[in-house]
Amino acid sequence: METDFAGAKTKYDSAVNVIKVLLVKIIKEEQVNSYINEIVKTINILTEQLMLSNDLLELETQEYPAEDYIPRHLVNVCILSLAIGIQLKFNRQELQLLGVASIFYDVSLIFIKDIILQPKKLSEEEQAIVREHVLKSAEIVSSLGEPYNKIKEIIQQHHERIDGKGYPSGLKNEAISIHARIIGLTDTYEAMTHFRAHLKGRLPHQVIREIVSTLKQSFDAEILKAFFSKISFYPIGSFGKLNTGEVAKVISSNPESPLRPIVLVMVDMFGNYISEPEKLDLSKKNSVYIIDSVEGLP
């Protein structure tokens, strides 16, 4: 019998395959409205799984090969966005809209895959080409019709920032759709935490600290709070070194204490694997805390 995590992984992999089919249809310039039911079905499955457990959030943290960048990037952003929507108590219709938007917002990157995956920093000309993906993705969803007209607006706004320093229109605050504000944050986080051909992905806690310290003014405070409640400074699935010298795996976040998640202590202070890992709620154990993140078990 499949474990809960194995079941979540099956759903994650299935979602990636669904998006791969969608991207093929887009490359062939086929109408995507006939495939929208499959997309919605996938979003509903991911939503149900997120309501059951945090396993998908752990799967989101895993690295993936460069050739899978676009489909996995879209699935990961969808998962993160839905997690925020659930935390903000979106109803089913709002979650579905958010999910569809977070799948389609970057689909046109498939046309410039060679540019975004090349092993060097983009030139100014290439950056200008990449920025055009916003309009191209919005054009692709134009065929979906009702009730998806709102998605075009969300796509057009996902690079806007509440401080007015985004593009293409320099919108501020509530002038930006809440769905676009959510995707703007999750897109940034996902891109910064995963490998690109010219850029090494950083550990999640490093990215979160950067968002808090230097990018906070770009994102909605309520959405950031919901995001940290689900992701934590030490995301689910990541590993941390404790002040005791032990190494633990983060298995759940503490919304009220983001620096003190629930962990599973897996390696003792001498570097030996523990046969029966100990579950520890760091919010209830003030003398024990994470001193640094590590990339995996020693």
Protein backbone atom coordinates (compact mmCIF):
# COMPACT_ATOMS: atom_id res chain seq x y z
CA MET A 1 0.00 0.00 0.00
CA GLU A 2 1.30 3.45 -0.91
CA THR A 3 2.37 5.74 1.88
CA ASP A 4 0.84 9.21 1.98
CA PHE A 5 4.09 10.68 0.67
CA ALA A 6 4.26 8.16 -2.16
CA GLY A 7 0.69 9.04 -3.10
CA ALA A 8 1.54 12.73 -3.08
CA LYS A 9 4.55 12.09 -5.31
CA THR A 10 2.36 10.18 -7.75
CA LYS A 11 0.04 13.19 -7.94
CA TYR A 12 2.99 15.55 -8.33
CA ASP A 13 4.51 13.52 -11.17
CA SER A 14 1.11 13.24 -12.85
CA ALA A 15 0.71 17.03 -12.70
CA VAL A 16 4.13 17.48 -14.33
CA ASN A 17 3.12 15.11 -17.15
CA VAL A 18 -0.15 16.99 -17.68
CA ILE A 19 1.79 20.25 -18.05
CA LYS A 20 4.23 18.64 -20.45
CA VAL A 21 1.30 17.69 -22.70
CA LEU A 22 -0.03 21.25 -22.43
CA LEU A 23 3.34 22.66 -23.49
CA VAL A 24 3.46 20.37 -26.52
CA LYS A 25 0.02 21.62 -27.55
CA ILE A 26 1.22 25.21 -27.18
CA ILE A 27 4.36 24.57 -29.24
CA LYS A 28 2.17 23.07 -31.98
CA GLU A 29 -0.09 26.16 -31.67
CA GLU A 30 -3.11 23.99 -30.93
CA GLN A 31 -6.14 25.43 -29.14
CA VAL A 32 -5.77 24.75 -25.42
CA ASN A 33 -9.44 25.18 -24.48
CA SER A 34 -10.09 21.50 -25.22
CA TYR A 35 -7.47 20.59 -22.59
CA ILE A 36 -8.68 22.93 -19.85
CA ASN A 37 -10.75 20.22 -18.13
CA GLU A 38 -7.59 18.16 -17.61
CA ILE A 39 -5.84 21.20 -16.14
CA VAL A 40 -8.74 21.91 -13.78
CA LYS A 41 -8.85 18.25 -12.73
CA THR A 42 -5.14 18.39 -11.92
CA ILE A 43 -5.55 21.58 -9.89
CA ASN A 44 -8.39 20.03 -7.89
CA ILE A 45 -6.23 16.98 -7.13
CA LEU A 46 -3.34 19.18 -5.97
CA THR A 47 -5.71 21.28 -3.85
CA GLU A 48 -7.14 18.20 -2.13
CA GLN A 49 -3.65 16.88 -1.44
CA LEU A 50 -2.53 20.21 0.06
CA MET A 51 -5.55 20.13 2.36
CA LEU A 52 -4.55 16.65 3.53
CA SER A 53 -0.82 17.13 4.11
CA ASN A 54 2.29 19.19 3.42
CA ASP A 55 3.89 16.48 1.26
CA LEU A 56 3.56 18.50 -1.96
CA LEU A 57 5.42 21.37 -0.31
CA GLU A 58 8.28 18.99 0.41
CA LEU A 59 8.28 17.73 -3.18
CA GLU A 60 8.42 21.34 -4.39
CA THR A 61 11.80 21.80 -2.72
CA GLN A 62 13.46 19.00 -4.70
CA GLU A 63 15.88 19.77 -7.49
CA TYR A 64 15.07 18.79 -11.07
CA PRO A 65 16.97 18.49 -14.38
CA ALA A 66 17.28 21.59 -16.55
CA GLU A 67 15.25 20.01 -19.36
CA ASP A 68 12.29 19.79 -16.98
CA TYR A 69 12.63 23.39 -15.81
CA ILE A 70 9.46 24.84 -17.35
CA PRO A 71 6.90 22.11 -16.46
CA ARG A 72 8.26 21.68 -12.93
CA HIS A 73 8.54 25.41 -12.41
CA LEU A 74 4.86 25.78 -13.34
CA VAL A 75 3.73 22.90 -11.12
CA ASN A 76 5.79 24.18 -8.19
CA VAL A 77 4.42 27.71 -8.52
CA CYS A 78 0.92 26.25 -8.72
CA ILE A 79 1.48 24.24 -5.51
CA LEU A 80 2.92 27.22 -3.63
CA SER A 81 0.15 29.53 -4.86
CA LEU A 82 -2.61 27.09 -3.89
CA ALA A 83 -1.02 26.67 -0.45
CA ILE A 84 -1.20 30.44 0.08
CA GLY A 85 -4.76 30.55 -1.26
CA ILE A 86 -5.79 27.83 1.20
CA GLN A 87 -4.11 29.73 4.04
CA LEU A 88 -6.01 32.88 3.01
CA LYS A 89 -9.24 30.82 3.05
CA PHE A 90 -10.02 31.17 -0.64
CA ASN A 91 -13.16 29.33 -1.67
CA ARG A 92 -13.04 26.52 -4.23
CA GLN A 93 -13.80 28.80 -7.16
CA GLU A 94 -11.05 31.24 -6.17
CA LEU A 95 -8.57 28.39 -5.69
CA GLN A 96 -9.43 27.00 -9.11
CA LEU A 97 -8.91 30.41 -10.72
CA LEU A 98 -5.61 30.84 -8.89
CA GLY A 99 -4.50 27.36 -9.91
CA VAL A 100 -5.31 27.79 -13.60
CA ALA A 101 -3.59 31.19 -13.64
CA SER A 102 -0.49 29.77 -11.96
CA ILE A 103 -0.27 27.08 -14.65
CA PHE A 104 -0.70 29.40 -17.63
CA TYR A 105 1.13 32.53 -16.47
CA ASP A 106 4.54 31.37 -17.78
CA VAL A 107 3.62 28.81 -20.46
CA SER A 108 5.04 30.97 -23.26
CA LEU A 109 8.52 30.47 -21.83
CA ILE A 110 8.49 27.26 -23.87
CA PHE A 111 9.11 29.40 -26.97
CA ILE A 112 12.27 30.92 -25.48
CA LYS A 113 13.52 27.86 -23.62
CA ASP A 114 16.96 28.09 -25.26
CA ILE A 115 17.39 31.64 -24.00
CA ILE A 116 16.38 31.09 -20.39
CA LEU A 117 18.35 27.85 -20.07
CA GLN A 118 21.61 29.01 -21.64
CA PRO A 119 24.65 28.78 -19.33
CA LYS A 120 25.28 32.52 -19.00
CA LYS A 121 23.70 35.68 -17.72
CA LEU A 122 21.15 37.13 -20.13
CA SER A 123 22.07 40.17 -22.21
CA GLU A 124 19.85 43.26 -22.12
CA GLU A 125 18.40 42.24 -25.49
CA GLU A 126 17.63 38.74 -24.21
CA GLN A 127 16.06 40.17 -21.05
CA ALA A 128 13.78 42.29 -23.24
CA ILE A 129 12.75 39.16 -25.16
CA VAL A 130 12.02 37.31 -21.93
CA ARG A 131 9.85 40.18 -20.69
CA GLU A 132 7.63 39.76 -23.73
CA HIS A 133 6.51 36.37 -22.38
CA VAL A 134 3.86 38.15 -20.28
CA LEU A 135 1.93 39.29 -23.33
CA LYS A 136 2.45 35.99 -25.15
CA SER A 137 1.12 33.94 -22.22
CA ALA A 138 -1.89 36.26 -21.98
CA GLU A 139 -2.52 35.75 -25.68
CA ILE A 140 -2.45 31.97 -25.29
CA VAL A 141 -5.24 31.98 -22.69
CA SER A 142 -7.47 34.23 -24.78
CA SER A 143 -9.07 31.15 -26.31
CA LEU A 144 -10.28 29.82 -22.95
CA GLY A 145 -13.29 32.15 -22.78
CA GLU A 146 -15.56 32.36 -19.72
CA PRO A 147 -15.04 31.82 -16.83
CA TYR A 148 -11.33 32.33 -17.43
CA ASN A 149 -11.25 35.92 -18.72
CA LYS A 150 -9.79 37.01 -15.38
CA ILE A 151 -6.71 34.86 -16.01
CA LYS A 152 -5.48 37.14 -18.78
CA GLU A 153 -5.41 40.08 -16.36
CA ILE A 154 -3.63 37.99 -13.71
CA ILE A 155 -0.95 36.95 -16.22
CA GLN A 156 -0.44 40.53 -17.36
CA GLN A 157 0.08 41.63 -13.75
CA HIS A 158 2.24 38.88 -12.24
CA HIS A 159 5.44 40.93 -12.62
CA GLU A 160 3.85 44.04 -11.09
CA ARG A 161 4.95 44.88 -7.53
CA ILE A 162 3.06 46.70 -4.80
CA ASP A 163 5.81 49.35 -4.57
CA GLY A 164 5.20 50.24 -8.23
CA LYS A 165 8.59 48.96 -9.40
CA GLY A 166 7.27 46.03 -11.42
CA TYR A 167 6.35 45.78 -15.09
CA PRO A 168 4.78 46.29 -17.59
CA SER A 169 2.50 49.00 -16.12
CA GLY A 170 4.06 49.95 -12.77
CA LEU A 171 0.86 49.18 -10.87
CA LYS A 172 0.76 49.51 -7.07
CA ASN A 173 -0.98 47.82 -4.15
CA GLU A 174 -4.63 46.82 -4.71
CA ALA A 175 -4.48 47.86 -8.35
CA ILE A 176 -2.79 44.49 -8.77
CA SER A 177 -5.07 41.43 -8.58
CA ILE A 178 -4.55 39.42 -5.40
CA HIS A 179 -4.03 36.33 -7.57
CA ALA A 180 -1.23 38.15 -9.45
CA ARG A 181 0.29 39.30 -6.14
CA ILE A 182 0.38 35.69 -4.95
CA ILE A 183 1.90 34.36 -8.18
CA GLY A 184 4.42 37.21 -8.22
CA LEU A 185 5.74 36.03 -4.86
CA THR A 186 5.69 32.29 -5.53
CA ASP A 187 7.28 32.75 -8.97
CA THR A 188 10.13 34.73 -7.39
CA TYR A 189 10.67 32.22 -4.60
CA GLU A 190 10.57 29.16 -6.86
CA ALA A 191 12.99 30.66 -9.39
CA MET A 192 15.47 31.67 -6.68
CA THR A 193 15.48 28.28 -4.95
CA HIS A 194 16.05 26.11 -8.02
CA PHE A 195 18.94 25.61 -10.39
CA ARG A 196 19.10 27.41 -13.71
CA ALA A 197 21.85 26.84 -16.28
CA HIS A 198 23.61 30.11 -15.33
CA LEU A 199 22.44 30.38 -11.74
CA LYS A 200 22.73 27.97 -8.81
CA GLY A 201 19.59 27.64 -6.75
CA ARG A 202 19.90 28.81 -3.15
CA LEU A 203 18.67 27.13 -0.01
CA PRO A 204 15.07 28.06 0.79
CA HIS A 205 15.92 29.75 4.09
CA GLN A 206 18.50 31.95 2.33
CA VAL A 207 15.89 33.08 -0.21
CA ILE A 208 13.29 33.73 2.49
CA ARG A 209 15.76 35.85 4.44
CA GLU A 210 16.49 37.86 1.29
CA ILE A 211 12.78 38.36 0.66
CA VAL A 212 12.34 39.57 4.24
CA SER A 213 15.40 41.83 4.23
CA THR A 214 15.53 43.34 0.73
CA LEU A 215 12.39 42.40 -1.23
CA LYS A 216 9.72 42.78 1.45
CA GLN A 217 8.49 46.10 0.08
CA SER A 218 7.70 44.43 -3.25
CA PHE A 219 5.14 41.99 -1.87
CA ASP A 220 1.81 42.17 -0.06
CA ALA A 221 2.21 41.87 3.75
CA GLU A 222 -0.84 39.61 4.16
CA ILE A 223 0.36 37.29 1.40
CA LEU A 224 3.87 37.19 2.89
CA LYS A 225 2.38 36.22 6.26
CA ALA A 226 0.35 33.41 4.67
CA PHE A 227 3.41 32.29 2.71
CA PHE A 228 5.63 32.12 5.80
CA SER A 229 2.89 30.26 7.66
CA LYS A 230 3.02 27.51 5.04
CA ILE A 231 6.68 27.60 4.03
CA SER A 232 8.52 28.71 7.18
CA PHE A 233 12.11 29.95 7.29
CA TYR A 234 13.05 26.29 7.18
CA PRO A 235 10.72 24.74 4.56
CA ILE A 236 9.24 21.29 4.90
CA GLY A 237 11.69 18.71 3.59
CA SER A 238 14.78 20.82 4.29
CA PHE A 239 17.48 19.85 6.78
CA GLY A 240 18.89 21.86 9.66
CA LYS A 241 21.81 21.55 12.04
CA LEU A 242 20.74 21.98 15.64
CA ASN A 243 22.75 23.74 18.35
CA THR A 244 23.13 20.30 19.94
CA GLY A 245 25.16 19.14 16.93
CA GLU A 246 22.35 16.91 15.66
CA VAL A 247 20.87 17.08 12.14
CA ALA A 248 17.10 17.15 11.73
CA LYS A 249 14.59 17.14 8.89
CA VAL A 250 11.81 19.73 8.95
CA ILE A 251 8.45 17.94 8.79
CA SER A 252 6.01 20.73 9.70
CA SER A 253 5.97 24.50 10.15
CA ASN A 254 4.84 26.50 13.17
CA PRO A 255 2.92 29.52 11.83
CA GLU A 256 3.35 31.41 15.11
CA SER A 257 7.06 30.52 15.37
CA PRO A 258 8.49 30.31 11.82
CA LEU A 259 12.04 29.90 13.14
CA ARG A 260 10.98 26.94 15.29
CA PRO A 261 9.45 24.23 13.10
CA ILE A 262 8.64 20.64 14.02
CA VAL A 263 11.57 18.43 13.09
CA LEU A 264 12.63 14.81 12.95
CA VAL A 265 16.08 14.36 14.51
CA MET A 266 17.86 11.90 12.19
CA VAL A 267 21.59 12.20 12.94
CA ASP A 268 23.11 12.43 16.42
CA MET A 269 25.84 14.83 17.56
CA PHE A 270 28.52 12.28 16.61
CA GLY A 271 27.30 11.99 13.00
CA ASN A 272 25.58 8.64 13.46
CA TYR A 273 22.19 7.91 11.91
CA ILE A 274 19.44 7.41 14.48
CA SER A 275 17.54 4.16 13.96
CA GLU A 276 14.32 5.62 15.37
CA PRO A 277 14.31 9.37 14.56
CA GLU A 278 12.89 11.60 17.30
CA LYS A 279 10.07 14.03 16.55
CA LEU A 280 10.74 17.39 18.18
CA ASP A 281 8.58 20.55 18.30
CA LEU A 282 11.18 23.31 18.58
CA SER A 283 8.53 25.83 19.64
CA LYS A 284 8.17 23.85 22.86
CA LYS A 285 11.88 23.23 23.39
CA ASN A 286 13.51 26.62 23.92
CA SER A 287 16.94 25.16 24.62
CA VAL A 288 17.13 23.54 21.15
CA TYR A 289 17.12 25.48 17.89
CA ILE A 290 18.39 25.41 14.31
CA ILE A 291 21.71 27.16 13.83
CA ASP A 292 22.03 26.61 10.09
CA SER A 293 20.48 24.84 7.13
CA VAL A 294 22.30 21.97 5.45
CA GLU A 295 21.76 20.62 1.95
CA GLY A 296 21.05 17.08 3.08
CA LEU A 297 22.00 14.31 5.47
CA PRO A 298 25.76 13.82 6.00
